[in-house]
Amino acid sequence: MSEPAVQPDPIRIVLARLARPHPSGGFVVGRAAILAEGGDFAAIREWIIGHGGTPETPAPSAGAGGLHGSRLSGGTDPAADQVPQYVLPASALA
């Protein structure tokens, strides 16, 4: 008797194609690349988190300074609220 074939994980296949090496030894996948892929972003994000991946937070932007600096410069940057990329451990795509 032969063993049943293991079905490949479609999300792992997409991420393996989109990922690039990260200095930590793992991989990094950009949010924009995931969105451009056209798949279910929420499912891919959950897969990443479930396999030990972490959202990489953007570097804080330099404020205008002073007590009222954020109010004078228009407040927070809405783009800073979005995670630009996700970092995956090397074992996630193995």
N, C-alpha and C. Protein backbone atom coordinates (compact mmCIF):
# COMPACT_ATOMS: atom_id res chain seq x y z
N MET A 1 0.83 -1.19 0.00
CA MET A 1 0.00 0.00 0.00
C MET A 1 0.87 1.25 0.00
N SER A 2 0.48 2.20 -0.78
CA SER A 2 1.23 3.45 -0.78
C SER A 2 0.53 4.46 0.13
N GLU A 3 1.32 5.36 0.66
CA GLU A 3 0.77 6.39 1.53
C GLU A 3 0.09 7.46 0.68
N PRO A 4 -0.98 8.09 1.20
CA PRO A 4 -1.63 9.16 0.43
C PRO A 4 -0.68 10.34 0.25
N ALA A 5 -0.77 10.94 -0.91
CA ALA A 5 0.07 12.10 -1.20
C ALA A 5 -0.32 13.28 -0.32
N VAL A 6 0.68 13.99 0.18
CA VAL A 6 0.43 15.17 1.01
C VAL A 6 0.14 16.34 0.08
N GLN A 7 -0.98 16.99 0.33
CA GLN A 7 -1.36 18.13 -0.48
C GLN A 7 -0.50 19.34 -0.12
N PRO A 8 0.04 20.04 -1.09
CA PRO A 8 0.84 21.23 -0.79
C PRO A 8 -0.05 22.34 -0.22
N ASP A 9 0.52 23.11 0.67
CA ASP A 9 -0.19 24.23 1.29
C ASP A 9 -0.13 25.42 0.32
N PRO A 10 -1.28 25.87 -0.22
CA PRO A 10 -1.26 26.95 -1.21
C PRO A 10 -0.72 28.27 -0.66
N ILE A 11 -0.95 28.55 0.61
CA ILE A 11 -0.43 29.81 1.18
C ILE A 11 1.09 29.73 1.29
N ARG A 12 1.62 28.58 1.70
CA ARG A 12 3.08 28.42 1.78
C ARG A 12 3.72 28.60 0.41
N ILE A 13 3.06 28.09 -0.62
CA ILE A 13 3.59 28.23 -1.99
C ILE A 13 3.64 29.70 -2.40
N VAL A 14 2.58 30.44 -2.11
CA VAL A 14 2.54 31.88 -2.45
C VAL A 14 3.64 32.62 -1.68
N LEU A 15 3.74 32.35 -0.39
CA LEU A 15 4.74 33.06 0.42
C LEU A 15 6.16 32.70 0.02
N ALA A 16 6.41 31.46 -0.35
CA ALA A 16 7.75 31.06 -0.79
C ALA A 16 8.14 31.82 -2.06
N ARG A 17 7.17 32.10 -2.91
CA ARG A 17 7.45 32.84 -4.13
C ARG A 17 7.68 34.33 -3.85
N LEU A 18 6.93 34.89 -2.89
CA LEU A 18 7.01 36.33 -2.61
C LEU A 18 8.12 36.71 -1.64
N ALA A 19 8.55 35.77 -0.81
CA ALA A 19 9.50 36.07 0.27
C ALA A 19 10.91 36.34 -0.27
N ARG A 20 11.63 37.13 0.49
CA ARG A 20 13.05 37.38 0.21
C ARG A 20 13.81 37.23 1.52
N PRO A 21 15.11 36.97 1.44
CA PRO A 21 15.89 36.75 2.66
C PRO A 21 15.88 37.97 3.58
N HIS A 22 15.89 37.72 4.87
CA HIS A 22 15.91 38.76 5.90
C HIS A 22 17.22 38.62 6.68
N PRO A 23 17.80 39.70 7.18
CA PRO A 23 19.05 39.62 7.94
C PRO A 23 18.99 38.68 9.15
N SER A 24 17.80 38.41 9.66
CA SER A 24 17.66 37.52 10.82
C SER A 24 17.91 36.06 10.46
N GLY A 25 17.99 35.76 9.18
CA GLY A 25 18.13 34.38 8.74
C GLY A 25 16.82 33.80 8.25
N GLY A 26 15.74 34.52 8.47
CA GLY A 26 14.43 34.09 8.02
C GLY A 26 14.09 34.74 6.69
N PHE A 27 12.82 35.06 6.54
CA PHE A 27 12.33 35.66 5.31
C PHE A 27 11.46 36.86 5.63
N VAL A 28 11.33 37.74 4.66
CA VAL A 28 10.46 38.90 4.81
C VAL A 28 9.54 38.96 3.59
N VAL A 29 8.28 39.30 3.85
CA VAL A 29 7.29 39.42 2.78
C VAL A 29 6.60 40.76 2.96
N GLY A 30 6.59 41.55 1.91
CA GLY A 30 5.95 42.85 1.97
C GLY A 30 4.43 42.77 1.91
N ARG A 31 3.78 43.64 2.67
CA ARG A 31 2.32 43.71 2.67
C ARG A 31 1.80 44.01 1.28
N ALA A 32 2.47 44.91 0.58
CA ALA A 32 2.05 45.29 -0.78
C ALA A 32 2.12 44.10 -1.72
N ALA A 33 3.14 43.26 -1.57
CA ALA A 33 3.26 42.08 -2.43
C ALA A 33 2.12 41.10 -2.17
N ILE A 34 1.76 40.95 -0.90
CA ILE A 34 0.65 40.05 -0.56
C ILE A 34 -0.65 40.58 -1.14
N LEU A 35 -0.89 41.88 -1.01
CA LEU A 35 -2.11 42.48 -1.54
C LEU A 35 -2.14 42.39 -3.07
N ALA A 36 -0.99 42.59 -3.71
CA ALA A 36 -0.93 42.53 -5.17
C ALA A 36 -1.18 41.12 -5.68
N GLU A 37 -0.89 40.13 -4.85
CA GLU A 37 -1.13 38.73 -5.24
C GLU A 37 -2.61 38.48 -5.48
N GLY A 38 -3.46 39.22 -4.80
CA GLY A 38 -4.89 39.12 -5.03
C GLY A 38 -5.59 38.03 -4.24
N GLY A 39 -4.88 37.36 -3.36
CA GLY A 39 -5.50 36.31 -2.56
C GLY A 39 -6.21 36.89 -1.34
N ASP A 40 -6.57 36.03 -0.43
CA ASP A 40 -7.24 36.43 0.80
C ASP A 40 -6.18 36.94 1.79
N PHE A 41 -6.03 38.26 1.86
CA PHE A 41 -4.99 38.85 2.71
C PHE A 41 -5.13 38.43 4.16
N ALA A 42 -6.35 38.41 4.68
CA ALA A 42 -6.56 38.04 6.09
C ALA A 42 -6.11 36.61 6.36
N ALA A 43 -6.39 35.70 5.45
CA ALA A 43 -5.98 34.30 5.62
C ALA A 43 -4.46 34.17 5.57
N ILE A 44 -3.83 34.90 4.66
CA ILE A 44 -2.37 34.86 4.56
C ILE A 44 -1.74 35.45 5.81
N ARG A 45 -2.28 36.57 6.30
CA ARG A 45 -1.76 37.20 7.51
C ARG A 45 -1.89 36.23 8.70
N GLU A 46 -3.03 35.57 8.83
CA GLU A 46 -3.22 34.61 9.92
C GLU A 46 -2.24 33.44 9.80
N TRP A 47 -1.97 32.98 8.58
CA TRP A 47 -1.03 31.90 8.36
C TRP A 47 0.36 32.32 8.83
N ILE A 48 0.74 33.55 8.46
CA ILE A 48 2.06 34.07 8.85
C ILE A 48 2.19 34.10 10.37
N ILE A 49 1.20 34.66 11.05
CA ILE A 49 1.23 34.76 12.51
C ILE A 49 1.21 33.36 13.13
N GLY A 50 0.42 32.47 12.59
CA GLY A 50 0.32 31.11 13.10
C GLY A 50 1.58 30.28 12.92
N HIS A 51 2.45 30.69 12.01
CA HIS A 51 3.70 29.97 11.77
C HIS A 51 4.92 30.73 12.31
N GLY A 52 4.68 31.57 13.30
CA GLY A 52 5.79 32.25 13.98
C GLY A 52 6.24 33.54 13.35
N GLY A 53 5.53 34.03 12.36
CA GLY A 53 5.88 35.29 11.73
C GLY A 53 5.44 36.47 12.58
N THR A 54 6.10 37.59 12.40
CA THR A 54 5.76 38.79 13.16
C THR A 54 5.66 39.99 12.22
N PRO A 55 4.73 40.89 12.51
CA PRO A 55 4.67 42.12 11.72
C PRO A 55 5.86 43.00 12.07
N GLU A 56 6.48 43.55 11.05
CA GLU A 56 7.61 44.45 11.28
C GLU A 56 7.06 45.86 11.38
N THR A 57 7.27 46.48 12.51
CA THR A 57 6.72 47.81 12.73
C THR A 57 7.58 48.85 12.01
N PRO A 58 6.94 49.87 11.45
CA PRO A 58 7.70 50.91 10.76
C PRO A 58 8.49 51.74 11.76
N ALA A 59 9.58 52.29 11.29
CA ALA A 59 10.39 53.17 12.13
C ALA A 59 9.58 54.42 12.45
N PRO A 60 9.69 54.92 13.69
CA PRO A 60 8.94 56.13 14.02
C PRO A 60 9.42 57.31 13.17
N SER A 61 8.45 58.09 12.71
CA SER A 61 8.82 59.24 11.90
C SER A 61 9.22 60.39 12.81
N ALA A 62 10.08 61.24 12.29
CA ALA A 62 10.53 62.39 13.06
C ALA A 62 9.37 63.38 13.16
N GLY A 63 9.01 63.74 14.37
CA GLY A 63 7.92 64.67 14.59
C GLY A 63 8.37 66.10 14.38
N ALA A 64 7.42 66.99 14.38
CA ALA A 64 7.74 68.41 14.22
C ALA A 64 8.34 68.97 15.51
N GLY A 65 8.19 68.21 16.61
CA GLY A 65 8.76 68.64 17.87
C GLY A 65 7.86 69.60 18.60
N GLY A 66 8.16 69.78 19.85
CA GLY A 66 7.40 70.71 20.65
C GLY A 66 6.10 70.13 21.16
N LEU A 67 5.48 70.86 22.04
CA LEU A 67 4.26 70.41 22.67
C LEU A 67 3.12 70.20 21.69
N HIS A 68 3.01 71.04 20.68
CA HIS A 68 1.91 70.97 19.73
C HIS A 68 2.38 70.53 18.34
N GLY A 69 3.52 69.89 18.28
CA GLY A 69 4.09 69.48 16.99
C GLY A 69 3.19 68.58 16.18
N SER A 70 2.55 67.58 16.82
CA SER A 70 1.70 66.66 16.05
C SER A 70 0.46 67.37 15.54
N ARG A 71 -0.05 68.33 16.31
CA ARG A 71 -1.24 69.04 15.87
C ARG A 71 -0.90 69.97 14.70
N LEU A 72 0.24 70.59 14.72
CA LEU A 72 0.64 71.49 13.65
C LEU A 72 0.98 70.76 12.38
N SER A 73 1.49 69.53 12.50
CA SER A 73 1.88 68.79 11.30
C SER A 73 0.75 67.92 10.76
N GLY A 74 -0.43 68.00 11.34
CA GLY A 74 -1.56 67.24 10.82
C GLY A 74 -1.80 65.94 11.55
N GLY A 75 -1.15 65.71 12.68
CA GLY A 75 -1.40 64.49 13.46
C GLY A 75 -0.55 63.33 13.01
N THR A 76 -1.07 62.14 13.23
CA THR A 76 -0.30 60.96 12.89
C THR A 76 -0.42 60.64 11.41
N ASP A 77 0.57 59.98 10.92
CA ASP A 77 0.61 59.57 9.52
C ASP A 77 -0.22 58.29 9.37
N PRO A 78 -1.31 58.27 8.58
CA PRO A 78 -2.12 57.08 8.45
C PRO A 78 -1.36 55.90 7.87
N ALA A 79 -0.36 56.14 7.04
CA ALA A 79 0.41 55.04 6.46
C ALA A 79 1.25 54.34 7.53
N ALA A 80 1.59 55.04 8.61
CA ALA A 80 2.38 54.44 9.67
C ALA A 80 1.58 53.42 10.46
N ASP A 81 0.26 53.45 10.35
CA ASP A 81 -0.58 52.49 11.05
C ASP A 81 -0.62 51.13 10.36
N GLN A 82 -0.14 51.06 9.14
CA GLN A 82 -0.14 49.81 8.38
C GLN A 82 1.23 49.17 8.46
N VAL A 83 1.24 47.87 8.69
CA VAL A 83 2.49 47.13 8.77
C VAL A 83 3.05 46.99 7.35
N PRO A 84 4.29 47.44 7.10
CA PRO A 84 4.83 47.37 5.74
C PRO A 84 5.26 45.97 5.31
N GLN A 85 5.66 45.13 6.28
CA GLN A 85 6.09 43.79 5.92
C GLN A 85 6.04 42.86 7.12
N TYR A 86 6.12 41.58 6.83
CA TYR A 86 6.07 40.54 7.85
C TYR A 86 7.36 39.73 7.78
N VAL A 87 7.92 39.41 8.95
CA VAL A 87 9.14 38.63 9.04
C VAL A 87 8.78 37.22 9.47
N LEU A 88 9.23 36.25 8.69
CA LEU A 88 8.98 34.84 8.96
C LEU A 88 10.26 34.15 9.40
N PRO A 89 10.17 33.21 10.35
CA PRO A 89 11.36 32.43 10.69
C PRO A 89 11.73 31.52 9.51
N ALA A 90 12.98 31.11 9.47
CA ALA A 90 13.47 30.27 8.37
C ALA A 90 12.67 28.97 8.27
N SER A 91 12.21 28.46 9.40
CA SER A 91 11.48 27.18 9.39
C SER A 91 10.07 27.27 8.81
N ALA A 92 9.53 28.47 8.68
CA ALA A 92 8.14 28.64 8.23
C ALA A 92 7.95 28.19 6.78
N LEU A 93 8.94 28.38 5.96
CA LEU A 93 8.80 28.05 4.54
C LEU A 93 9.55 26.78 4.16
N ALA A 94 10.06 26.07 5.14
CA ALA A 94 10.84 24.84 4.84
C ALA A 94 9.92 23.69 4.52
